[in-house]
Amino acid sequence: LVIAGTNDRDMFAAAKALEAMGGGFVFVVDGEIRAAVPLPLGGLV
């Protein structure tokens, strides 16, 4: 997992969101998921 962020809280929330959806992309603000792209096939596809 690779995460870039402005604060630790949102970075932690992004990591947990990626774990829950089996991988993909996620954008988190104030601990809330604002956009997500699930990639459940190997966390890639």
All heavy atoms as atom14 arrays in JSON, in Angstrom:
{
  "sequence": "LVIAGTNDRDMFAAAKALEAMGGGFVFVVDGEIRAAVPLPLGGLV",
  "atom14_mask": [
    [1, 1, 1, 1, 1, 1, 1, 1, 0, 0, 0, 0, 0, 0],
    [1, 1, 1, 1, 1, 1, 1, 0, 0, 0, 0, 0, 0, 0],
    [1, 1, 1, 1, 1, 1, 1, 1, 0, 0, 0, 0, 0, 0],
    [1, 1, 1, 1, 1, 0, 0, 0, 0, 0, 0, 0, 0, 0],
    [1, 1, 1, 1, 0, 0, 0, 0, 0, 0, 0, 0, 0, 0],
    [1, 1, 1, 1, 1, 1, 1, 0, 0, 0, 0, 0, 0, 0],
    [1, 1, 1, 1, 1, 1, 1, 1, 0, 0, 0, 0, 0, 0],
    [1, 1, 1, 1, 1, 1, 1, 1, 0, 0, 0, 0, 0, 0],
    [1, 1, 1, 1, 1, 1, 1, 1, 1, 1, 1, 0, 0, 0],
    [1, 1, 1, 1, 1, 1, 1, 1, 0, 0, 0, 0, 0, 0],
    [1, 1, 1, 1, 1, 1, 1, 1, 0, 0, 0, 0, 0, 0],
    [1, 1, 1, 1, 1, 1, 1, 1, 1, 1, 1, 0, 0, 0],
    [1, 1, 1, 1, 1, 0, 0, 0, 0, 0, 0, 0, 0, 0],
    [1, 1, 1, 1, 1, 0, 0, 0, 0, 0, 0, 0, 0, 0],
    [1, 1, 1, 1, 1, 0, 0, 0, 0, 0, 0, 0, 0, 0],
    [1, 1, 1, 1, 1, 1, 1, 1, 1, 0, 0, 0, 0, 0],
    [1, 1, 1, 1, 1, 0, 0, 0, 0, 0, 0, 0, 0, 0],
    [1, 1, 1, 1, 1, 1, 1, 1, 0, 0, 0, 0, 0, 0],
    [1, 1, 1, 1, 1, 1, 1, 1, 1, 0, 0, 0, 0, 0],
    [1, 1, 1, 1, 1, 0, 0, 0, 0, 0, 0, 0, 0, 0],
    [1, 1, 1, 1, 1, 1, 1, 1, 0, 0, 0, 0, 0, 0],
    [1, 1, 1, 1, 0, 0, 0, 0, 0, 0, 0, 0, 0, 0],
    [1, 1, 1, 1, 0, 0, 0, 0, 0, 0, 0, 0, 0, 0],
    [1, 1, 1, 1, 0, 0, 0, 0, 0, 0, 0, 0, 0, 0],
    [1, 1, 1, 1, 1, 1, 1, 1, 1, 1, 1, 0, 0, 0],
    [1, 1, 1, 1, 1, 1, 1, 0, 0, 0, 0, 0, 0, 0],
    [1, 1, 1, 1, 1, 1, 1, 1, 1, 1, 1, 0, 0, 0],
    [1, 1, 1, 1, 1, 1, 1, 0, 0, 0, 0, 0, 0, 0],
    [1, 1, 1, 1, 1, 1, 1, 0, 0, 0, 0, 0, 0, 0],
    [1, 1, 1, 1, 1, 1, 1, 1, 0, 0, 0, 0, 0, 0],
    [1, 1, 1, 1, 0, 0, 0, 0, 0, 0, 0, 0, 0, 0],
    [1, 1, 1, 1, 1, 1, 1, 1, 1, 0, 0, 0, 0, 0],
    [1, 1, 1, 1, 1, 1, 1, 1, 0, 0, 0, 0, 0, 0],
    [1, 1, 1, 1, 1, 1, 1, 1, 1, 1, 1, 0, 0, 0],
    [1, 1, 1, 1, 1, 0, 0, 0, 0, 0, 0, 0, 0, 0],
    [1, 1, 1, 1, 1, 0, 0, 0, 0, 0, 0, 0, 0, 0],
    [1, 1, 1, 1, 1, 1, 1, 0, 0, 0, 0, 0, 0, 0],
    [1, 1, 1, 1, 1, 1, 1, 0, 0, 0, 0, 0, 0, 0],
    [1, 1, 1, 1, 1, 1, 1, 1, 0, 0, 0, 0, 0, 0],
    [1, 1, 1, 1, 1, 1, 1, 0, 0, 0, 0, 0, 0, 0],
    [1, 1, 1, 1, 1, 1, 1, 1, 0, 0, 0, 0, 0, 0],
    [1, 1, 1, 1, 0, 0, 0, 0, 0, 0, 0, 0, 0, 0],
    [1, 1, 1, 1, 0, 0, 0, 0, 0, 0, 0, 0, 0, 0],
    [1, 1, 1, 1, 1, 1, 1, 1, 0, 0, 0, 0, 0, 0],
    [1, 1, 1, 1, 1, 1, 1, 0, 0, 0, 0, 0, 0, 0]
  ],
  "atom14_positions": [
    [[0.85, -1.2, 0.0], [0.0, 0.0, 0.0], [0.88, 1.24, 0.0], [1.87, 1.32, 0.73], [-0.91, 0.02, 1.24], [-1.87, -1.14, 1.44], [-2.85, -0.81, 2.57], [-2.61, -1.51, 0.18], [0.0, 0.0, 0.0], [0.0, 0.0, 0.0], [0.0, 0.0, 0.0], [0.0, 0.0, 0.0], [0.0, 0.0, 0.0], [0.0, 0.0, 0.0]],
    [[0.52, 2.23, -0.8], [1.22, 3.51, -0.82], [0.19, 4.61, -0.6], [-0.86, 4.62, -1.26], [2.04, 3.72, -2.11], [1.17, 3.64, -3.35], [2.79, 5.04, -2.07], [0.0, 0.0, 0.0], [0.0, 0.0, 0.0], [0.0, 0.0, 0.0], [0.0, 0.0, 0.0], [0.0, 0.0, 0.0], [0.0, 0.0, 0.0], [0.0, 0.0, 0.0]],
    [[0.47, 5.5, 0.34], [-0.5, 6.53, 0.74], [0.22, 7.86, 0.89], [1.25, 7.94, 1.56], [-1.19, 6.16, 2.06], [-1.92, 4.81, 1.92], [-2.17, 7.25, 2.49], [-2.43, 4.24, 3.22], [0.0, 0.0, 0.0], [0.0, 0.0, 0.0], [0.0, 0.0, 0.0], [0.0, 0.0, 0.0], [0.0, 0.0, 0.0], [0.0, 0.0, 0.0]],
    [[-0.3, 8.89, 0.26], [0.21, 10.25, 0.41], [-0.88, 11.09, 1.04], [-2.05, 11.03, 0.64], [0.61, 10.84, -0.95], [0.0, 0.0, 0.0], [0.0, 0.0, 0.0], [0.0, 0.0, 0.0], [0.0, 0.0, 0.0], [0.0, 0.0, 0.0], [0.0, 0.0, 0.0], [0.0, 0.0, 0.0], [0.0, 0.0, 0.0], [0.0, 0.0, 0.0]],
    [[-0.52, 11.88, 2.07], [-1.56, 12.63, 2.75], [-1.07, 13.85, 3.49], [0.13, 14.03, 3.73], [0.0, 0.0, 0.0], [0.0, 0.0, 0.0], [0.0, 0.0, 0.0], [0.0, 0.0, 0.0], [0.0, 0.0, 0.0], [0.0, 0.0, 0.0], [0.0, 0.0, 0.0], [0.0, 0.0, 0.0], [0.0, 0.0, 0.0], [0.0, 0.0, 0.0]],
    [[-2.04, 14.66, 3.87], [-1.75, 15.88, 4.62], [-1.79, 15.67, 6.13], [-1.39, 16.54, 6.88], [-2.75, 16.99, 4.25], [-4.08, 16.56, 4.61], [-2.72, 17.3, 2.76], [0.0, 0.0, 0.0], [0.0, 0.0, 0.0], [0.0, 0.0, 0.0], [0.0, 0.0, 0.0], [0.0, 0.0, 0.0], [0.0, 0.0, 0.0], [0.0, 0.0, 0.0]],
    [[-2.3, 14.48, 6.56], [-2.38, 14.22, 8.01], [-2.48, 12.72, 8.26], [-2.94, 11.95, 7.39], [-3.58, 14.95, 8.63], [-4.9, 14.45, 8.1], [-5.46, 13.48, 8.62], [-5.41, 15.06, 7.03], [0.0, 0.0, 0.0], [0.0, 0.0, 0.0], [0.0, 0.0, 0.0], [0.0, 0.0, 0.0], [0.0, 0.0, 0.0], [0.0, 0.0, 0.0]],
    [[-2.06, 12.31, 9.45], [-2.0, 10.88, 9.78], [-3.38, 10.25, 9.87], [-3.55, 9.08, 9.51], [-1.26, 10.69, 11.11], [0.2, 11.1, 11.02], [0.68, 11.36, 9.89], [0.86, 11.16, 12.07], [0.0, 0.0, 0.0], [0.0, 0.0, 0.0], [0.0, 0.0, 0.0], [0.0, 0.0, 0.0], [0.0, 0.0, 0.0], [0.0, 0.0, 0.0]],
    [[-4.35, 11.0, 10.36], [-5.69, 10.43, 10.52], [-6.27, 9.97, 9.19], [-6.79, 8.86, 9.07], [-6.62, 11.48, 11.15], [-8.06, 11.0, 11.29], [-8.99, 12.14, 11.62], [-10.39, 11.72, 11.66], [-11.43, 12.55, 11.61], [-11.24, 13.86, 11.54], [-12.67, 12.08, 11.65], [0.0, 0.0, 0.0], [0.0, 0.0, 0.0], [0.0, 0.0, 0.0]],
    [[-6.17, 10.82, 8.18], [-6.71, 10.45, 6.87], [-5.89, 9.35, 6.22], [-6.44, 8.5, 5.5], [-6.77, 11.68, 5.96], [-7.91, 12.63, 6.33], [-8.81, 12.2, 7.06], [-7.87, 13.8, 5.9], [0.0, 0.0, 0.0], [0.0, 0.0, 0.0], [0.0, 0.0, 0.0], [0.0, 0.0, 0.0], [0.0, 0.0, 0.0], [0.0, 0.0, 0.0]],
    [[-4.6, 9.33, 6.46], [-3.76, 8.28, 5.9], [-4.13, 6.92, 6.5], [-4.23, 5.91, 5.79], [-2.28, 8.59, 6.13], [-1.8, 9.83, 5.37], [-0.08, 10.26, 5.71], [0.8, 8.99, 4.79], [0.0, 0.0, 0.0], [0.0, 0.0, 0.0], [0.0, 0.0, 0.0], [0.0, 0.0, 0.0], [0.0, 0.0, 0.0], [0.0, 0.0, 0.0]],
    [[-4.36, 6.88, 7.8], [-4.79, 5.65, 8.46], [-6.15, 5.2, 7.93], [-6.36, 4.02, 7.64], [-4.85, 5.87, 9.96], [-5.42, 4.7, 10.72], [-4.8, 3.46, 10.7], [-6.58, 4.84, 11.48], [-5.32, 2.38, 11.4], [-7.11, 3.77, 12.19], [-6.48, 2.53, 12.15], [0.0, 0.0, 0.0], [0.0, 0.0, 0.0], [0.0, 0.0, 0.0]],
    [[-7.07, 6.14, 7.77], [-8.4, 5.81, 7.25], [-8.3, 5.26, 5.83], [-9.04, 4.34, 5.45], [-9.29, 7.05, 7.28], [0.0, 0.0, 0.0], [0.0, 0.0, 0.0], [0.0, 0.0, 0.0], [0.0, 0.0, 0.0], [0.0, 0.0, 0.0], [0.0, 0.0, 0.0], [0.0, 0.0, 0.0], [0.0, 0.0, 0.0], [0.0, 0.0, 0.0]],
    [[-7.39, 5.81, 5.02], [-7.21, 5.32, 3.66], [-6.7, 3.88, 3.66], [-7.16, 3.03, 2.88], [-6.24, 6.22, 2.9], [0.0, 0.0, 0.0], [0.0, 0.0, 0.0], [0.0, 0.0, 0.0], [0.0, 0.0, 0.0], [0.0, 0.0, 0.0], [0.0, 0.0, 0.0], [0.0, 0.0, 0.0], [0.0, 0.0, 0.0], [0.0, 0.0, 0.0]],
    [[-5.76, 3.56, 4.56], [-5.24, 2.2, 4.65], [-6.33, 1.2, 5.02], [-6.43, 0.12, 4.43], [-4.1, 2.15, 5.67], [0.0, 0.0, 0.0], [0.0, 0.0, 0.0], [0.0, 0.0, 0.0], [0.0, 0.0, 0.0], [0.0, 0.0, 0.0], [0.0, 0.0, 0.0], [0.0, 0.0, 0.0], [0.0, 0.0, 0.0], [0.0, 0.0, 0.0]],
    [[-7.15, 1.56, 5.98], [-8.23, 0.66, 6.4], [-9.28, 0.51, 5.31], [-9.86, -0.58, 5.14], [-8.87, 1.19, 7.69], [-7.92, 1.24, 8.89], [-7.32, -0.13, 9.2], [-8.34, -1.09, 9.79], [-7.72, -2.39, 10.16], [0.0, 0.0, 0.0], [0.0, 0.0, 0.0], [0.0, 0.0, 0.0], [0.0, 0.0, 0.0], [0.0, 0.0, 0.0]],
    [[-9.54, 1.56, 4.56], [-10.5, 1.47, 3.46], [-9.99, 0.54, 2.37], [-10.75, -0.27, 1.81], [-10.77, 2.87, 2.89], [0.0, 0.0, 0.0], [0.0, 0.0, 0.0], [0.0, 0.0, 0.0], [0.0, 0.0, 0.0], [0.0, 0.0, 0.0], [0.0, 0.0, 0.0], [0.0, 0.0, 0.0], [0.0, 0.0, 0.0], [0.0, 0.0, 0.0]],
    [[-8.7, 0.63, 2.04], [-8.12, -0.26, 1.03], [-8.19, -1.71, 1.49], [-8.48, -2.61, 0.7], [-6.67, 0.14, 0.77], [-6.45, 1.47, 0.02], [-4.98, 1.86, 0.03], [-6.97, 1.37, -1.41], [0.0, 0.0, 0.0], [0.0, 0.0, 0.0], [0.0, 0.0, 0.0], [0.0, 0.0, 0.0], [0.0, 0.0, 0.0], [0.0, 0.0, 0.0]],
    [[-7.94, -1.95, 2.76], [-8.03, -3.31, 3.3], [-9.46, -3.85, 3.17], [-9.67, -4.99, 2.75], [-7.61, -3.32, 4.77], [-7.66, -4.69, 5.41], [-7.31, -4.64, 6.89], [-7.72, -3.68, 7.58], [-6.62, -5.57, 7.36], [0.0, 0.0, 0.0], [0.0, 0.0, 0.0], [0.0, 0.0, 0.0], [0.0, 0.0, 0.0], [0.0, 0.0, 0.0]],
    [[-10.42, -3.02, 3.48], [-11.82, -3.47, 3.47], [-12.32, -3.81, 2.08], [-13.13, -4.73, 1.91], [-12.7, -2.38, 4.1], [0.0, 0.0, 0.0], [0.0, 0.0, 0.0], [0.0, 0.0, 0.0], [0.0, 0.0, 0.0], [0.0, 0.0, 0.0], [0.0, 0.0, 0.0], [0.0, 0.0, 0.0], [0.0, 0.0, 0.0], [0.0, 0.0, 0.0]],
    [[-11.85, -3.06, 1.06], [-12.4, -3.3, -0.28], [-11.49, -4.19, -1.14], [-11.74, -4.37, -2.34], [-12.67, -1.97, -1.0], [-11.49, -1.12, -1.34], [-12.05, 0.49, -1.98], [-10.51, 1.16, -2.59], [0.0, 0.0, 0.0], [0.0, 0.0, 0.0], [0.0, 0.0, 0.0], [0.0, 0.0, 0.0], [0.0, 0.0, 0.0], [0.0, 0.0, 0.0]],
    [[-10.46, -4.78, -0.53], [-9.62, -5.71, -1.26], [-8.65, -5.05, -2.21], [-8.15, -5.68, -3.13], [0.0, 0.0, 0.0], [0.0, 0.0, 0.0], [0.0, 0.0, 0.0], [0.0, 0.0, 0.0], [0.0, 0.0, 0.0], [0.0, 0.0, 0.0], [0.0, 0.0, 0.0], [0.0, 0.0, 0.0], [0.0, 0.0, 0.0], [0.0, 0.0, 0.0]],
    [[-8.39, -3.77, -2.0], [-7.43, -3.05, -2.82], [-8.09, -2.11, -3.8], [-9.3, -2.16, -4.03], [0.0, 0.0, 0.0], [0.0, 0.0, 0.0], [0.0, 0.0, 0.0], [0.0, 0.0, 0.0], [0.0, 0.0, 0.0], [0.0, 0.0, 0.0], [0.0, 0.0, 0.0], [0.0, 0.0, 0.0], [0.0, 0.0, 0.0], [0.0, 0.0, 0.0]],
    [[-7.27, -1.22, -4.36], [-7.76, -0.23, -5.31], [-7.2, 1.14, -5.0], [-6.08, 1.28, -4.52], [0.0, 0.0, 0.0], [0.0, 0.0, 0.0], [0.0, 0.0, 0.0], [0.0, 0.0, 0.0], [0.0, 0.0, 0.0], [0.0, 0.0, 0.0], [0.0, 0.0, 0.0], [0.0, 0.0, 0.0], [0.0, 0.0, 0.0], [0.0, 0.0, 0.0]],
    [[-8.01, 2.17, -5.25], [-7.64, 3.55, -4.96], [-8.71, 4.17, -4.06], [-9.9, 3.84, -4.19], [-7.54, 4.38, -6.24], [-6.62, 3.82, -7.28], [-7.09, 3.52, -8.55], [-5.28, 3.59, -7.0], [-6.25, 3.01, -9.52], [-4.43, 3.07, -7.96], [-4.91, 2.78, -9.22], [0.0, 0.0, 0.0], [0.0, 0.0, 0.0], [0.0, 0.0, 0.0]],
    [[-8.28, 5.08, -3.2], [-9.24, 5.72, -2.31], [-8.76, 7.13, -1.99], [-7.55, 7.39, -1.9], [-9.43, 4.89, -1.02], [-8.15, 4.86, -0.19], [-10.6, 5.4, -0.2], [0.0, 0.0, 0.0], [0.0, 0.0, 0.0], [0.0, 0.0, 0.0], [0.0, 0.0, 0.0], [0.0, 0.0, 0.0], [0.0, 0.0, 0.0], [0.0, 0.0, 0.0]],
    [[-9.72, 8.04, -1.85], [-9.41, 9.41, -1.43], [-10.24, 9.72, -0.19], [-11.47, 9.57, -0.2], [-9.72, 10.42, -2.53], [-9.2, 11.8, -2.24], [-7.87, 12.12, -2.42], [-10.05, 12.79, -1.74], [-7.39, 13.38, -2.13], [-9.58, 14.05, -1.44], [-8.24, 14.35, -1.64], [0.0, 0.0, 0.0], [0.0, 0.0, 0.0], [0.0, 0.0, 0.0]],
    [[-9.54, 10.12, 0.88], [-10.18, 10.33, 2.18], [-9.95, 11.76, 2.64], [-8.84, 12.29, 2.54], [-9.6, 9.35, 3.23], [-10.14, 9.66, 4.62], [-9.91, 7.91, 2.84], [0.0, 0.0, 0.0], [0.0, 0.0, 0.0], [0.0, 0.0, 0.0], [0.0, 0.0, 0.0], [0.0, 0.0, 0.0], [0.0, 0.0, 0.0], [0.0, 0.0, 0.0]],
    [[-10.99, 12.39, 3.16], [-10.9, 13.72, 3.78], [-11.66, 13.69, 5.1], [-12.81, 13.22, 5.15], [-11.47, 14.82, 2.86], [-11.39, 16.19, 3.55], [-10.71, 14.87, 1.53], [0.0, 0.0, 0.0], [0.0, 0.0, 0.0], [0.0, 0.0, 0.0], [0.0, 0.0, 0.0], [0.0, 0.0, 0.0], [0.0, 0.0, 0.0], [0.0, 0.0, 0.0]],
    [[-11.02, 14.17, 6.16], [-11.63, 14.2, 7.49], [-12.15, 12.82, 7.92], [-13.22, 12.69, 8.52], [-12.78, 15.22, 7.53], [-12.27, 16.65, 7.36], [-11.11, 16.92, 7.72], [-13.03, 17.49, 6.84], [0.0, 0.0, 0.0], [0.0, 0.0, 0.0], [0.0, 0.0, 0.0], [0.0, 0.0, 0.0], [0.0, 0.0, 0.0], [0.0, 0.0, 0.0]],
    [[-11.4, 11.79, 7.56], [-11.75, 10.43, 7.95], [-12.85, 9.79, 7.13], [-13.21, 8.63, 7.37], [0.0, 0.0, 0.0], [0.0, 0.0, 0.0], [0.0, 0.0, 0.0], [0.0, 0.0, 0.0], [0.0, 0.0, 0.0], [0.0, 0.0, 0.0], [0.0, 0.0, 0.0], [0.0, 0.0, 0.0], [0.0, 0.0, 0.0], [0.0, 0.0, 0.0]],
    [[-13.38, 10.51, 6.13], [-14.47, 9.99, 5.31], [-13.99, 9.7, 3.9], [-13.21, 10.47, 3.31], [-15.62, 10.99, 5.26], [-16.29, 11.26, 6.59], [-17.45, 12.22, 6.45], [-17.76, 12.62, 5.3], [-18.05, 12.58, 7.48], [0.0, 0.0, 0.0], [0.0, 0.0, 0.0], [0.0, 0.0, 0.0], [0.0, 0.0, 0.0], [0.0, 0.0, 0.0]],
    [[-14.48, 8.6, 3.32], [-14.15, 8.24, 1.94], [-14.93, 9.15, 1.0], [-16.16, 9.15, 0.99], [-14.49, 6.77, 1.65], [-13.66, 5.84, 2.54], [-14.26, 6.44, 0.18], [-14.05, 4.38, 2.44], [0.0, 0.0, 0.0], [0.0, 0.0, 0.0], [0.0, 0.0, 0.0], [0.0, 0.0, 0.0], [0.0, 0.0, 0.0], [0.0, 0.0, 0.0]],
    [[-14.21, 9.95, 0.21], [-14.86, 10.85, -0.75], [-14.93, 10.25, -2.15], [-15.76, 10.66, -2.95], [-14.12, 12.19, -0.79], [-14.02, 12.9, 0.56], [-15.4, 13.24, 1.11], [-15.33, 13.79, 2.45], [-15.28, 15.1, 2.73], [-15.25, 15.98, 1.75], [-15.23, 15.51, 3.99], [0.0, 0.0, 0.0], [0.0, 0.0, 0.0], [0.0, 0.0, 0.0]],
    [[-14.04, 9.31, -2.43], [-14.06, 8.61, -3.73], [-13.28, 7.32, -3.58], [-12.3, 7.25, -2.83], [-13.46, 9.48, -4.82], [0.0, 0.0, 0.0], [0.0, 0.0, 0.0], [0.0, 0.0, 0.0], [0.0, 0.0, 0.0], [0.0, 0.0, 0.0], [0.0, 0.0, 0.0], [0.0, 0.0, 0.0], [0.0, 0.0, 0.0], [0.0, 0.0, 0.0]],
    [[-13.72, 6.28, -4.31], [-13.05, 4.98, -4.23], [-13.15, 4.24, -5.55], [-14.15, 4.36, -6.27], [-13.64, 4.13, -3.11], [0.0, 0.0, 0.0], [0.0, 0.0, 0.0], [0.0, 0.0, 0.0], [0.0, 0.0, 0.0], [0.0, 0.0, 0.0], [0.0, 0.0, 0.0], [0.0, 0.0, 0.0], [0.0, 0.0, 0.0], [0.0, 0.0, 0.0]],
    [[-12.11, 3.48, -5.87], [-12.08, 2.63, -7.05], [-11.65, 1.24, -6.6], [-10.45, 0.97, -6.45], [-11.1, 3.16, -8.12], [-11.14, 2.26, -9.36], [-11.42, 4.6, -8.49], [0.0, 0.0, 0.0], [0.0, 0.0, 0.0], [0.0, 0.0, 0.0], [0.0, 0.0, 0.0], [0.0, 0.0, 0.0], [0.0, 0.0, 0.0], [0.0, 0.0, 0.0]],
    [[-12.58, 0.33, -6.33], [-12.2, -1.03, -5.9], [-11.5, -1.8, -7.01], [-11.95, -1.79, -8.16], [-13.55, -1.67, -5.55], [-14.5, -0.53, -5.35], [-14.04, 0.54, -6.3], [0.0, 0.0, 0.0], [0.0, 0.0, 0.0], [0.0, 0.0, 0.0], [0.0, 0.0, 0.0], [0.0, 0.0, 0.0], [0.0, 0.0, 0.0], [0.0, 0.0, 0.0]],
    [[-10.4, -2.46, -6.68], [-9.66, -3.33, -7.61], [-9.44, -4.67, -6.91], [-8.34, -4.99, -6.46], [-8.32, -2.69, -8.0], [-8.39, -1.32, -8.68], [-6.98, -0.76, -8.88], [-9.12, -1.39, -10.01], [0.0, 0.0, 0.0], [0.0, 0.0, 0.0], [0.0, 0.0, 0.0], [0.0, 0.0, 0.0], [0.0, 0.0, 0.0], [0.0, 0.0, 0.0]],
    [[-10.49, -5.47, -6.78], [-10.41, -6.67, -5.93], [-9.6, -7.82, -6.52], [-9.25, -8.75, -5.79], [-11.89, -7.07, -5.78], [-12.55, -6.54, -7.01], [-11.84, -5.26, -7.34], [0.0, 0.0, 0.0], [0.0, 0.0, 0.0], [0.0, 0.0, 0.0], [0.0, 0.0, 0.0], [0.0, 0.0, 0.0], [0.0, 0.0, 0.0], [0.0, 0.0, 0.0]],
    [[-9.3, -7.82, -7.82], [-8.53, -8.91, -8.42], [-7.04, -8.67, -8.17], [-6.37, -7.95, -8.89], [-8.81, -9.02, -9.92], [-10.29, -9.2, -10.32], [-10.42, -9.38, -11.81], [-10.91, -10.37, -9.57], [0.0, 0.0, 0.0], [0.0, 0.0, 0.0], [0.0, 0.0, 0.0], [0.0, 0.0, 0.0], [0.0, 0.0, 0.0], [0.0, 0.0, 0.0]],
    [[-6.55, -9.25, -7.09], [-5.16, -9.07, -6.72], [-4.84, -7.69, -6.18], [-3.67, -7.34, -6.01], [0.0, 0.0, 0.0], [0.0, 0.0, 0.0], [0.0, 0.0, 0.0], [0.0, 0.0, 0.0], [0.0, 0.0, 0.0], [0.0, 0.0, 0.0], [0.0, 0.0, 0.0], [0.0, 0.0, 0.0], [0.0, 0.0, 0.0], [0.0, 0.0, 0.0]],
    [[-5.86, -6.88, -5.9], [-5.62, -5.5, -5.51], [-5.11, -4.66, -6.65], [-4.58, -3.56, -6.44], [0.0, 0.0, 0.0], [0.0, 0.0, 0.0], [0.0, 0.0, 0.0], [0.0, 0.0, 0.0], [0.0, 0.0, 0.0], [0.0, 0.0, 0.0], [0.0, 0.0, 0.0], [0.0, 0.0, 0.0], [0.0, 0.0, 0.0], [0.0, 0.0, 0.0]],
    [[-5.28, -5.16, -7.89], [-4.71, -4.53, -9.08], [-5.72, -4.25, -10.18], [-5.56, -3.29, -10.94], [-3.61, -5.43, -9.67], [-2.44, -5.81, -8.77], [-1.62, -6.92, -9.42], [-1.58, -4.6, -8.47], [0.0, 0.0, 0.0], [0.0, 0.0, 0.0], [0.0, 0.0, 0.0], [0.0, 0.0, 0.0], [0.0, 0.0, 0.0], [0.0, 0.0, 0.0]],
    [[-6.73, -5.09, -10.29], [-7.59, -5.12, -11.47], [-9.05, -5.15, -11.07], [-9.43, -5.75, -10.05], [-7.24, -6.34, -12.36], [-8.31, -6.59, -13.41], [-5.88, -6.14, -13.03], [0.0, 0.0, 0.0], [0.0, 0.0, 0.0], [0.0, 0.0, 0.0], [0.0, 0.0, 0.0], [0.0, 0.0, 0.0], [0.0, 0.0, 0.0], [0.0, 0.0, 0.0]]
  ]
}
